[in-house]
N, C-alpha and C. Protein backbone atom coordinates (compact mmCIF):
# COMPACT_ATOMS: atom_id res chain seq x y z
N MET A 1 -16.81 20.92 -8.72
CA MET A 1 -15.61 20.49 -9.42
C MET A 1 -15.14 19.13 -8.94
N THR A 2 -14.08 18.12 -10.37
CA THR A 2 -14.25 17.44 -10.15
C THR A 2 -12.42 16.46 -9.30
N ARG A 3 -12.44 15.59 -9.28
CA ARG A 3 -11.75 14.82 -8.42
C ARG A 3 -10.85 14.43 -9.10
N LYS A 4 -11.21 14.05 -10.66
CA LYS A 4 -9.83 13.86 -11.29
C LYS A 4 -8.43 14.91 -11.26
N HIS A 5 -8.96 16.08 -10.95
CA HIS A 5 -7.62 16.63 -11.08
C HIS A 5 -6.57 17.01 -9.80
N GLN A 6 -7.20 16.61 -8.40
CA GLN A 6 -6.64 16.82 -7.20
C GLN A 6 -5.45 15.72 -7.72
N PRO A 7 -4.26 15.97 -7.50
CA PRO A 7 -3.14 15.12 -7.37
C PRO A 7 -3.44 13.69 -6.02
N TYR A 8 -3.59 13.68 -5.63
CA TYR A 8 -3.81 11.90 -5.14
C TYR A 8 -5.64 11.17 -5.32
N SER A 9 -6.34 11.76 -6.18
CA SER A 9 -7.79 10.96 -6.94
C SER A 9 -7.21 9.60 -6.72
N ILE A 10 -8.69 8.66 -6.83
CA ILE A 10 -8.39 7.52 -6.81
C ILE A 10 -8.01 7.05 -7.98
N GLU A 11 -8.15 7.92 -9.37
CA GLU A 11 -8.04 7.81 -10.99
C GLU A 11 -6.80 8.57 -10.80
N VAL A 12 -5.88 9.45 -10.24
CA VAL A 12 -4.85 9.29 -11.04
C VAL A 12 -3.80 8.64 -9.59
N GLN A 13 -4.28 7.54 -8.72
CA GLN A 13 -3.27 6.86 -8.42
C GLN A 13 -3.22 5.64 -9.37
N GLU A 14 -4.83 5.57 -9.72
CA GLU A 14 -4.88 4.22 -10.44
C GLU A 14 -4.22 4.45 -11.81
N ASP A 15 -3.81 5.53 -12.37
CA ASP A 15 -2.81 5.36 -13.50
C ASP A 15 -1.78 5.43 -13.49
N ARG A 16 -1.10 5.71 -11.92
CA ARG A 16 0.11 5.46 -11.80
C ARG A 16 0.83 4.75 -11.56
N LEU A 17 -0.65 3.09 -10.90
CA LEU A 17 -0.15 2.31 -10.59
C LEU A 17 -0.32 1.45 -12.41
N ASN A 18 -1.02 1.81 -13.10
CA ASN A 18 -1.21 1.01 -14.28
C ASN A 18 0.02 1.31 -14.95
N SER A 19 0.75 2.50 -14.92
CA SER A 19 1.72 2.58 -15.43
C SER A 19 2.79 1.51 -14.52
N TYR A 20 3.01 2.37 -13.07
CA TYR A 20 4.10 1.29 -12.94
C TYR A 20 4.66 -0.26 -13.64
N VAL A 21 2.98 -0.72 -13.34
CA VAL A 21 2.53 -2.66 -13.50
C VAL A 21 3.49 -2.65 -15.03
N GLN A 22 3.10 -1.44 -15.94
CA GLN A 22 3.44 -1.92 -17.51
C GLN A 22 5.45 -1.39 -17.85
N SER A 23 6.29 -0.82 -16.65
CA SER A 23 7.03 -0.45 -16.59
C SER A 23 7.96 -1.41 -16.31
N GLN A 24 7.11 -2.49 -15.64
CA GLN A 24 8.11 -3.44 -15.05
C GLN A 24 7.46 -5.01 -15.48
N THR A 25 8.84 -5.41 -16.69
CA THR A 25 9.37 -6.86 -17.16
C THR A 25 8.80 -7.88 -16.19
N GLY A 26 7.92 -8.28 -17.44
CA GLY A 26 6.77 -9.69 -16.91
C GLY A 26 5.84 -9.49 -16.13
N TRP A 27 5.77 -7.95 -15.64
CA TRP A 27 4.36 -8.12 -14.94
C TRP A 27 3.12 -7.27 -15.68
N ARG A 28 2.08 -8.36 -14.90
CA ARG A 28 0.74 -8.29 -15.22
C ARG A 28 -0.28 -8.05 -14.36
N GLY A 29 -0.99 -6.39 -14.60
CA GLY A 29 -2.47 -6.49 -13.52
C GLY A 29 -3.48 -7.57 -13.55
N ALA A 30 -3.13 -7.87 -11.94
CA ALA A 30 -4.00 -9.32 -11.94
C ALA A 30 -5.21 -9.08 -11.56
N MET A 31 -5.31 -8.36 -10.28
CA MET A 31 -6.33 -7.32 -9.75
C MET A 31 -6.42 -6.26 -9.20
N ARG A 32 -7.45 -5.60 -8.56
CA ARG A 32 -7.61 -4.49 -8.72
C ARG A 32 -8.49 -3.96 -7.16
N PHE A 33 -7.82 -3.40 -6.48
CA PHE A 33 -8.31 -2.87 -4.79
C PHE A 33 -8.53 -1.43 -4.54
N SER A 34 -9.34 -1.20 -4.69
CA SER A 34 -9.84 0.13 -4.69
C SER A 34 -10.38 0.67 -3.49
N ASP A 35 -9.81 1.17 -1.96
CA ASP A 35 -10.41 1.94 -0.80
C ASP A 35 -10.19 3.18 -1.65
N ASP A 36 -11.43 4.30 -1.02
CA ASP A 36 -11.77 5.05 -0.54
C ASP A 36 -12.11 5.37 0.44
N VAL A 37 -11.49 4.43 1.56
CA VAL A 37 -11.71 5.14 3.00
C VAL A 37 -10.54 4.78 3.62
N PHE A 38 -9.86 5.82 4.49
CA PHE A 38 -8.46 6.21 4.64
C PHE A 38 -7.72 4.97 5.66
N GLY A 39 -6.26 5.27 5.58
CA GLY A 39 -5.21 4.07 5.68
C GLY A 39 -5.43 3.93 7.21
N GLY A 40 -6.30 4.65 7.99
CA GLY A 40 -6.25 4.34 9.28
C GLY A 40 -6.57 3.33 9.95
N ILE A 41 -7.39 2.43 9.25
CA ILE A 41 -7.85 1.29 9.97
C ILE A 41 -7.85 0.30 8.76
N THR A 42 -7.61 -0.95 8.79
CA THR A 42 -7.11 -2.25 8.81
C THR A 42 -8.81 -2.64 8.39
N ASP A 43 -9.98 -2.34 8.57
CA ASP A 43 -11.24 -3.32 8.47
C ASP A 43 -11.91 -2.27 6.73
N ARG A 44 -11.01 -2.54 6.19
CA ARG A 44 -11.75 -1.59 4.93
C ARG A 44 -11.72 -2.75 3.89
N PRO A 45 -12.68 -2.45 3.17
CA PRO A 45 -13.62 -3.55 2.49
C PRO A 45 -12.66 -4.14 1.22
N GLU A 46 -11.58 -3.24 0.77
CA GLU A 46 -10.47 -3.55 -0.54
C GLU A 46 -9.63 -4.11 0.51
N LEU A 47 -9.06 -3.64 1.31
CA LEU A 47 -7.65 -4.11 1.74
C LEU A 47 -8.11 -5.70 2.07
N GLN A 48 -9.50 -5.95 3.03
CA GLN A 48 -9.91 -6.98 3.52
C GLN A 48 -9.55 -8.21 1.97
N ARG A 49 -10.28 -7.89 1.40
CA ARG A 49 -10.42 -8.34 -0.38
C ARG A 49 -8.94 -8.68 -0.79
N ALA A 50 -8.73 -7.60 -1.37
CA ALA A 50 -6.54 -7.76 -1.25
C ALA A 50 -5.98 -8.72 -0.47
N LEU A 51 -6.26 -9.22 0.78
CA LEU A 51 -5.71 -10.37 2.08
C LEU A 51 -6.36 -11.26 1.61
N ALA A 52 -7.53 -11.43 1.58
CA ALA A 52 -7.95 -13.09 0.70
C ALA A 52 -7.27 -13.20 -0.31
N ALA A 53 -7.31 -12.46 -1.23
CA ALA A 53 -6.62 -12.74 -2.44
C ALA A 53 -4.95 -13.61 -2.04
N ALA A 54 -4.20 -12.38 -1.13
CA ALA A 54 -3.01 -12.91 -0.79
C ALA A 54 -3.25 -14.43 -0.40
N ARG A 55 -4.48 -14.82 1.05
CA ARG A 55 -4.19 -15.80 1.13
C ARG A 55 -4.63 -17.14 0.33
N ALA A 56 -5.19 -16.40 -0.74
CA ALA A 56 -5.48 -18.01 -1.51
C ALA A 56 -4.39 -17.87 -2.38
N ALA A 57 -4.06 -17.04 -2.28
CA ALA A 57 -2.32 -17.56 -3.45
C ALA A 57 -2.84 -16.70 -5.09
N LEU A 58 -3.75 -15.67 -4.60
CA LEU A 58 -4.32 -15.50 -6.36
C LEU A 58 -3.52 -14.13 -6.77
N ILE A 59 -2.59 -13.74 -5.71
CA ILE A 59 -1.60 -12.56 -6.17
C ILE A 59 -0.02 -12.50 -5.36
N ASP A 60 0.89 -12.17 -6.18
CA ASP A 60 2.40 -11.94 -5.28
C ASP A 60 3.19 -11.04 -4.98
N VAL A 61 2.33 -9.69 -5.51
CA VAL A 61 2.51 -8.66 -5.21
C VAL A 61 1.27 -7.24 -4.77
N LEU A 62 1.77 -7.16 -3.94
CA LEU A 62 0.63 -6.22 -3.77
C LEU A 62 1.34 -4.77 -3.70
N LEU A 63 0.94 -3.58 -5.35
CA LEU A 63 1.13 -2.69 -5.10
C LEU A 63 0.36 -1.41 -4.73
N VAL A 64 0.68 -0.48 -4.03
CA VAL A 64 0.39 0.20 -3.39
C VAL A 64 0.55 1.63 -4.12
N TYR A 65 0.23 2.97 -4.25
CA TYR A 65 0.66 4.61 -4.53
C TYR A 65 2.07 4.41 -3.52
N ARG A 66 1.21 4.71 -2.49
CA ARG A 66 1.87 5.49 -1.38
C ARG A 66 1.90 4.52 -0.29
N VAL A 67 2.47 4.12 0.92
CA VAL A 67 2.47 3.41 1.94
C VAL A 67 1.34 3.69 2.93
N ASP A 68 1.29 5.09 2.92
CA ASP A 68 0.37 5.92 4.06
C ASP A 68 -1.08 5.55 3.43
N ARG A 69 -0.96 5.22 1.99
CA ARG A 69 -2.33 4.94 1.44
C ARG A 69 -2.84 4.26 2.10
N PHE A 70 -1.84 2.81 2.02
CA PHE A 70 -1.93 1.17 3.24
C PHE A 70 -2.29 1.26 4.53
N SER A 71 -1.35 2.22 5.11
CA SER A 71 -2.01 2.01 6.45
C SER A 71 -1.14 3.28 7.31
N TRP A 72 -1.87 4.03 8.08
CA TRP A 72 -0.98 5.31 8.59
C TRP A 72 -0.56 4.44 10.46
N ASN A 73 -0.63 3.78 10.25
CA ASN A 73 -1.00 3.36 11.97
C ASN A 73 0.69 2.19 11.87
N LEU A 74 1.65 2.27 12.30
CA LEU A 74 2.54 1.48 12.27
C LEU A 74 2.22 0.04 12.75
N ARG A 75 2.08 -0.48 13.99
CA ARG A 75 1.87 -2.26 14.27
C ARG A 75 0.88 -2.16 13.26
N ASP A 76 -0.82 -1.53 13.04
CA ASP A 76 -1.13 -2.42 11.94
C ASP A 76 -0.38 -2.60 10.73
N MET A 77 0.67 -1.57 9.83
CA MET A 77 1.25 -1.81 9.07
C MET A 77 1.75 -3.28 9.41
N ALA A 78 2.83 -3.30 10.25
CA ALA A 78 3.94 -4.09 10.49
C ALA A 78 2.93 -5.63 10.94
N MET A 79 1.81 -5.81 11.15
CA MET A 79 0.53 -6.80 11.40
C MET A 79 0.43 -7.32 9.47
N LEU A 80 0.21 -6.50 8.84
CA LEU A 80 -0.23 -6.58 7.22
C LEU A 80 1.24 -7.21 6.63
N LEU A 81 2.36 -6.12 7.18
CA LEU A 81 3.43 -6.76 6.31
C LEU A 81 3.83 -8.09 6.69
N ASP A 82 3.49 -8.26 7.82
CA ASP A 82 3.44 -9.88 8.20
C ASP A 82 2.71 -10.63 7.28
N GLU A 83 2.00 -10.46 7.54
CA GLU A 83 0.87 -11.40 7.01
C GLU A 83 1.15 -11.52 5.15
N LEU A 84 0.69 -10.65 4.92
CA LEU A 84 1.21 -10.80 3.14
C LEU A 84 2.30 -11.91 3.24
N ASP A 85 3.87 -11.44 3.65
CA ASP A 85 5.27 -11.86 3.70
C ASP A 85 4.60 -13.46 3.90
N ALA A 86 3.70 -13.93 4.96
CA ALA A 86 3.41 -15.08 5.50
C ALA A 86 2.31 -16.30 4.08
N CYS A 87 2.16 -15.40 3.35
CA CYS A 87 1.58 -15.86 1.71
C CYS A 87 2.57 -15.49 1.24
N GLY A 88 3.96 -15.10 0.92
CA GLY A 88 4.68 -15.44 0.01
C GLY A 88 4.32 -14.20 -0.66
N VAL A 89 3.51 -13.15 -0.43
CA VAL A 89 3.01 -11.54 -1.56
C VAL A 89 3.97 -10.74 -0.96
N VAL A 90 4.90 -10.12 -1.75
CA VAL A 90 5.72 -8.85 -2.30
C VAL A 90 5.10 -7.53 -1.95
N PHE A 91 5.42 -7.03 -1.09
CA PHE A 91 4.74 -5.54 -0.87
C PHE A 91 5.61 -4.32 -1.31
N ARG A 92 5.09 -3.44 -2.69
CA ARG A 92 5.67 -2.59 -3.58
C ARG A 92 4.48 -1.59 -3.19
N SER A 93 5.90 0.22 -3.40
CA SER A 93 4.87 0.85 -3.78
C SER A 93 5.52 1.62 -5.10
N ALA A 94 4.71 1.96 -5.99
CA ALA A 94 4.45 3.06 -6.95
C ALA A 94 5.88 4.17 -7.28
N THR A 95 5.68 4.94 -5.39
CA THR A 95 6.19 6.26 -5.77
C THR A 95 7.56 6.14 -4.58
N GLU A 96 7.66 4.76 -4.31
CA GLU A 96 8.62 4.95 -3.05
C GLU A 96 9.67 4.06 -3.57
N PRO A 97 10.73 3.80 -3.07
CA PRO A 97 11.66 3.09 -3.80
C PRO A 97 12.28 1.56 -2.92
N PHE A 98 11.29 0.57 -2.29
CA PHE A 98 11.84 -0.46 -1.68
C PHE A 98 11.26 -1.58 -1.46
N ASP A 99 11.70 -2.41 -1.24
CA ASP A 99 10.87 -4.10 -1.63
C ASP A 99 11.37 -4.61 -0.74
N THR A 100 10.55 -4.97 -0.50
CA THR A 100 10.32 -5.74 1.62
C THR A 100 10.39 -7.57 1.06
N ALA A 101 10.95 -7.78 0.07
CA ALA A 101 11.79 -9.05 -0.47
C ALA A 101 13.33 -9.15 0.44
N THR A 102 13.68 -7.91 0.67
CA THR A 102 14.91 -7.40 1.48
C THR A 102 15.15 -7.11 2.87
N PRO A 103 15.87 -7.15 3.83
CA PRO A 103 15.99 -6.45 4.94
C PRO A 103 15.76 -5.43 4.93
N MET A 104 16.98 -4.54 4.06
CA MET A 104 16.84 -3.00 4.14
C MET A 104 15.68 -2.44 3.46
N GLY A 105 14.77 -3.55 2.98
CA GLY A 105 13.34 -2.44 2.10
C GLY A 105 12.54 -2.94 2.87
N ARG A 106 12.77 -3.86 4.19
CA ARG A 106 11.77 -4.16 5.32
C ARG A 106 11.20 -2.95 5.96
N MET A 107 12.86 -2.97 6.25
CA MET A 107 13.67 -1.37 7.38
C MET A 107 13.30 -0.44 6.64
N LEU A 108 12.99 0.39 5.53
CA LEU A 108 12.39 1.64 4.31
C LEU A 108 11.19 1.89 4.59
N VAL A 109 10.10 0.65 4.42
CA VAL A 109 8.93 0.65 4.36
C VAL A 109 8.60 1.34 6.13
N GLN A 110 8.67 0.36 7.01
CA GLN A 110 8.37 0.79 8.28
C GLN A 110 9.43 2.59 8.86
N MET A 111 10.26 2.68 8.04
CA MET A 111 10.41 4.36 8.09
C MET A 111 9.41 5.13 7.62
N LEU A 112 9.15 4.14 6.36
CA LEU A 112 7.85 5.53 5.94
C LEU A 112 6.18 5.10 6.59
N GLY A 113 6.05 3.81 7.14
CA GLY A 113 5.34 3.89 7.81
C GLY A 113 5.49 4.67 9.13
N MET A 114 6.62 4.75 10.36
CA MET A 114 6.53 5.59 11.39
C MET A 114 5.98 7.02 10.46
N PHE A 115 6.36 7.48 9.25
CA PHE A 115 6.40 8.88 8.58
C PHE A 115 4.67 8.93 8.62
N ALA A 116 3.99 7.80 7.94
CA ALA A 116 2.05 8.13 7.62
C ALA A 116 1.82 8.36 9.22
N GLN A 117 2.39 7.49 10.33
CA GLN A 117 1.62 7.79 11.32
C GLN A 117 1.50 9.23 12.11
N LEU A 118 2.81 9.70 12.07
CA LEU A 118 2.99 11.06 12.37
C LEU A 118 2.81 11.95 11.51
N GLY A 119 2.57 11.32 10.42
CA GLY A 119 1.95 12.68 9.88
C GLY A 119 0.50 13.07 9.47
N ARG A 120 0.19 11.58 10.88
CA ARG A 120 -1.58 11.62 11.01
C ARG A 120 -1.94 11.95 12.14
N THR A 121 -0.86 11.69 13.11
CA THR A 121 -1.08 12.17 14.56
C THR A 121 -1.66 13.66 15.12
N PRO A 122 -2.14 13.69 15.66
CA PRO A 122 -2.52 15.47 16.03
C PRO A 122 -1.25 16.13 16.63
N SER A 123 -0.98 17.23 16.75
CA SER A 123 0.40 17.69 17.42
C SER A 123 -0.17 18.22 19.01
N SER A 124 0.74 17.83 19.72
CA SER A 124 0.40 18.02 21.36
C SER A 124 0.66 19.79 21.27
N THR A 125 -0.24 20.45 21.99
CA THR A 125 0.50 22.08 22.27
C THR A 125 0.49 21.87 23.73
N ALA A 126 1.95 21.47 24.43
CA ALA A 126 1.90 21.09 25.93
C ALA A 126 2.95 22.11 26.18
């Protein structure tokens, strides 16, 4: 069985991201960061490489397939978004309509982060 036909395989995500970049006026794909490690941790090689590119001003937008592919932890997400913001890098999703350059977009991405965390938290049986 090949992963290519799974709805969230790396290949499908990359295709969607490439299509999104092509649909945006003036955009071009400058760098690609492909993590196949879960978004529950921030110590992921490709995430760290993306942050290093942001710090070095090599990118101005960090585009992800979905917020839950970026981080499952709201606290980590807020920290990562703050770091990107300090570097002048806008965070965007190819499948979710928000723009972190605006206060409403920042609120929406945090709400999506809460849902990502909720979706990964085991439910209690109290």
